[in-house]
Amino acid sequence: MLLKLLPFAAALVLASGASAQSRDVVDVIQIQSSGTMAQTVERLEHAIDERHLSIVAVIHHADAARNAGLALRPTTLVIFGNPMLGTRIMQMSQVAGLSLPIKMLVWQDASKRVWVGYTASEAFARRYALAPDSLPIRAMGGALGAIAAEAAGNRP
C-alpha cells in the first residue's frame, strides 16, 4: 500500500512547493536553462554520460501526478552517480548514503522558464558533518556545477 501512495505523495509535495518558485530555495543551486524542458533533460543526460557517470533513474514527476489525477508542471528528476566518488564520501560519513546517488531536478515554472537545480555541495557537506573543502566534496561540487551549466545550455 505504501508503494502505491509514493507517487501521490511525491506529486503532492512538489505541487505544494510549485507556487514558491519566485523565492530562493536555501541550499539549492538553481540555474535557468536556455532550452525547452526536453532539450534540458536531454543535455543533462548527455552531460552525465559524457563524464562516464551512471544514470540510476529518471523520474517524470508530472506523469506520476497525472496518473494520480493531479496536475503538475513538467518536472523531471535525474538520479545519477559515480560509485568511486560516492563510496569515498560514504567512507567519510556512511549516512551520506541517504543523499546518494546525486539528484538533479529539471522543472518548468509558471512563467514557462526551465530550471536545473541541485543541492549545493556545501549544504551536502554540512548535512553530513563533512569538511566542505575535502577533496571528494570539492570534486562533487565541481562536477555538479559543470553538469548543471551544460544542461542549462551554458557549457563551461
Protein backbone atom coordinates (compact mmCIF):
# COMPACT_ATOMS: atom_id res chain seq x y z
CA MET A 1 0.00 0.00 0.00
CA LEU A 2 2.84 2.40 0.86
CA LEU A 3 4.40 1.92 -2.58
CA LYS A 4 1.10 2.84 -4.24
CA LEU A 5 1.00 6.10 -2.27
CA LEU A 6 4.60 7.07 -3.01
CA PRO A 7 3.98 8.70 -6.43
CA PHE A 8 0.99 10.54 -5.00
CA ALA A 9 2.97 11.82 -2.01
CA ALA A 10 5.85 12.94 -4.22
CA ALA A 11 3.48 14.75 -6.57
CA LEU A 12 1.70 16.41 -3.66
CA VAL A 13 4.94 17.68 -2.14
CA LEU A 14 6.12 19.06 -5.47
CA ALA A 15 2.75 20.62 -6.26
CA SER A 16 2.60 22.35 -2.89
CA GLY A 17 6.02 23.90 -3.42
CA ALA A 18 5.44 24.89 -7.03
CA SER A 19 3.86 28.22 -6.11
CA ALA A 20 7.02 29.22 -4.25
CA GLN A 21 9.23 29.35 -7.37
CA SER A 22 9.88 33.07 -7.01
CA ARG A 23 11.54 32.52 -3.61
CA ASP A 24 15.09 31.28 -3.36
CA VAL A 25 15.34 27.77 -2.02
CA VAL A 26 18.02 27.58 0.64
CA ASP A 27 20.99 25.35 -0.20
CA VAL A 28 19.74 24.58 -3.70
CA ILE A 29 21.61 25.84 -6.75
CA GLN A 30 19.12 26.87 -9.45
CA ILE A 31 20.22 27.69 -12.99
CA GLN A 32 17.83 28.92 -15.66
CA SER A 33 18.04 26.93 -18.87
CA SER A 34 18.18 28.44 -22.33
CA GLY A 35 16.31 25.44 -23.74
CA THR A 36 12.99 23.69 -23.53
CA MET A 37 12.22 21.09 -20.91
CA ALA A 38 13.03 18.24 -23.33
CA GLN A 39 16.27 19.89 -24.51
CA THR A 40 17.39 20.50 -20.94
CA VAL A 41 16.75 16.92 -19.81
CA GLU A 42 18.49 15.62 -22.93
CA ARG A 43 21.52 17.89 -22.32
CA LEU A 44 21.57 16.80 -18.66
CA GLU A 45 21.61 13.12 -19.59
CA HIS A 46 24.31 13.80 -22.20
CA ALA A 47 26.46 15.74 -19.70
CA ILE A 48 26.19 12.84 -17.24
CA ASP A 49 27.00 10.21 -19.89
CA GLU A 50 29.87 12.32 -21.24
CA ARG A 51 31.53 12.11 -17.81
CA HIS A 52 31.05 8.32 -17.64
CA LEU A 53 28.68 8.61 -14.71
CA SER A 54 25.81 6.18 -14.23
CA ILE A 55 22.20 7.28 -14.59
CA VAL A 56 20.30 5.27 -11.99
CA ALA A 57 16.79 6.54 -12.72
CA VAL A 58 14.83 9.25 -14.48
CA ILE A 59 11.58 10.10 -12.74
CA HIS A 60 8.91 12.12 -14.52
CA HIS A 61 7.00 13.56 -11.58
CA ALA A 62 4.38 15.21 -13.80
CA ASP A 63 3.49 11.80 -15.26
CA ALA A 64 3.08 10.36 -11.76
CA ALA A 65 0.91 13.33 -10.80
CA ARG A 66 -1.23 12.89 -13.92
CA ASN A 67 -1.64 9.18 -13.11
CA ALA A 68 -2.86 10.20 -9.66
CA GLY A 69 -5.36 12.63 -11.18
CA LEU A 70 -3.33 15.72 -10.28
CA ALA A 71 -1.75 18.47 -12.34
CA LEU A 72 1.95 19.34 -12.12
CA ARG A 73 4.06 21.39 -14.50
CA PRO A 74 6.84 19.41 -16.22
CA THR A 75 9.21 18.16 -13.52
CA THR A 76 11.89 15.52 -14.09
CA LEU A 77 14.32 14.13 -11.53
CA VAL A 78 17.53 12.54 -12.79
CA ILE A 79 19.36 10.34 -10.31
CA PHE A 80 22.98 9.54 -11.13
CA GLY A 81 26.28 8.78 -9.53
CA ASN A 82 29.87 7.72 -9.54
CA PRO A 83 30.49 4.74 -7.25
CA MET A 84 34.15 5.72 -6.77
CA LEU A 85 33.30 9.20 -5.51
CA GLY A 86 30.13 8.18 -3.68
CA THR A 87 31.97 5.43 -1.82
CA ARG A 88 34.71 7.86 -0.77
CA ILE A 89 32.05 10.21 0.59
CA MET A 90 30.28 7.38 2.44
CA GLN A 91 33.62 6.25 3.91
CA MET A 92 33.78 9.73 5.47
CA SER A 93 30.14 9.55 6.67
CA GLN A 94 28.17 6.44 5.91
CA VAL A 95 24.82 8.17 6.48
CA ALA A 96 25.62 10.40 3.49
CA GLY A 97 24.26 7.43 1.56
CA LEU A 98 20.82 8.91 2.33
CA SER A 99 21.56 11.58 -0.30
CA LEU A 100 23.46 9.40 -2.74
CA PRO A 101 23.32 8.86 -5.62
CA ILE A 102 23.10 12.51 -6.57
CA LYS A 103 19.92 14.05 -7.91
CA MET A 104 19.25 16.92 -10.28
CA LEU A 105 15.81 18.33 -10.92
CA VAL A 106 14.66 19.94 -14.14
CA TRP A 107 11.37 21.82 -13.94
CA GLN A 108 9.26 24.37 -15.75
CA ASP A 109 7.92 27.24 -13.67
CA ALA A 110 4.62 29.11 -14.01
CA SER A 111 6.25 31.53 -16.49
CA LYS A 112 7.35 28.58 -18.66
CA ARG A 113 11.02 29.11 -17.78
CA VAL A 114 13.01 25.91 -17.40
CA TRP A 115 15.38 25.41 -14.47
CA VAL A 116 18.04 22.94 -13.36
CA GLY A 117 18.52 22.53 -9.62
CA TYR A 118 20.64 20.51 -7.24
CA THR A 119 21.77 20.53 -3.62
CA ALA A 120 24.84 22.72 -3.09
CA SER A 121 27.91 20.69 -2.15
CA GLU A 122 28.43 22.92 0.91
CA ALA A 123 24.91 22.08 2.10
CA PHE A 124 25.55 18.38 1.46
CA ALA A 125 28.78 18.60 3.49
CA ARG A 126 27.06 20.48 6.32
CA ARG A 127 24.17 17.98 6.43
CA TYR A 128 26.58 15.07 6.99
CA ALA A 129 29.24 16.91 9.05
CA LEU A 130 31.84 16.63 6.28
CA ALA A 131 34.59 19.13 5.59
CA PRO A 132 33.36 21.28 2.68
CA ASP A 133 36.93 21.66 1.44
CA SER A 134 37.64 17.92 1.41
CA LEU A 135 38.66 16.56 -1.98
CA PRO A 136 35.52 14.39 -2.50
CA ILE A 137 33.16 17.27 -1.68
CA ARG A 138 35.10 19.71 -3.89
CA ALA A 139 35.09 17.14 -6.71
CA MET A 140 31.35 16.63 -6.31
CA GLY A 141 30.68 20.38 -6.31
CA GLY A 142 32.81 20.99 -9.39
CA ALA A 143 31.20 18.15 -11.32
CA LEU A 144 27.66 19.18 -10.37
CA GLY A 145 28.31 22.79 -11.38
CA ALA A 146 29.69 21.77 -14.76
CA ILE A 147 26.90 19.27 -15.43
CA ALA A 148 24.16 21.74 -14.48
CA ALA A 149 25.72 24.51 -16.58
CA GLU A 150 25.90 22.20 -19.59
CA ALA A 151 22.30 21.06 -19.07
CA ALA A 152 21.19 24.70 -18.90
CA GLY A 153 22.98 25.43 -22.17
CA ASN A 154 25.90 27.30 -20.61
CA ARG A 155 28.67 24.89 -21.49
CA PRO A 156 31.77 25.82 -19.44
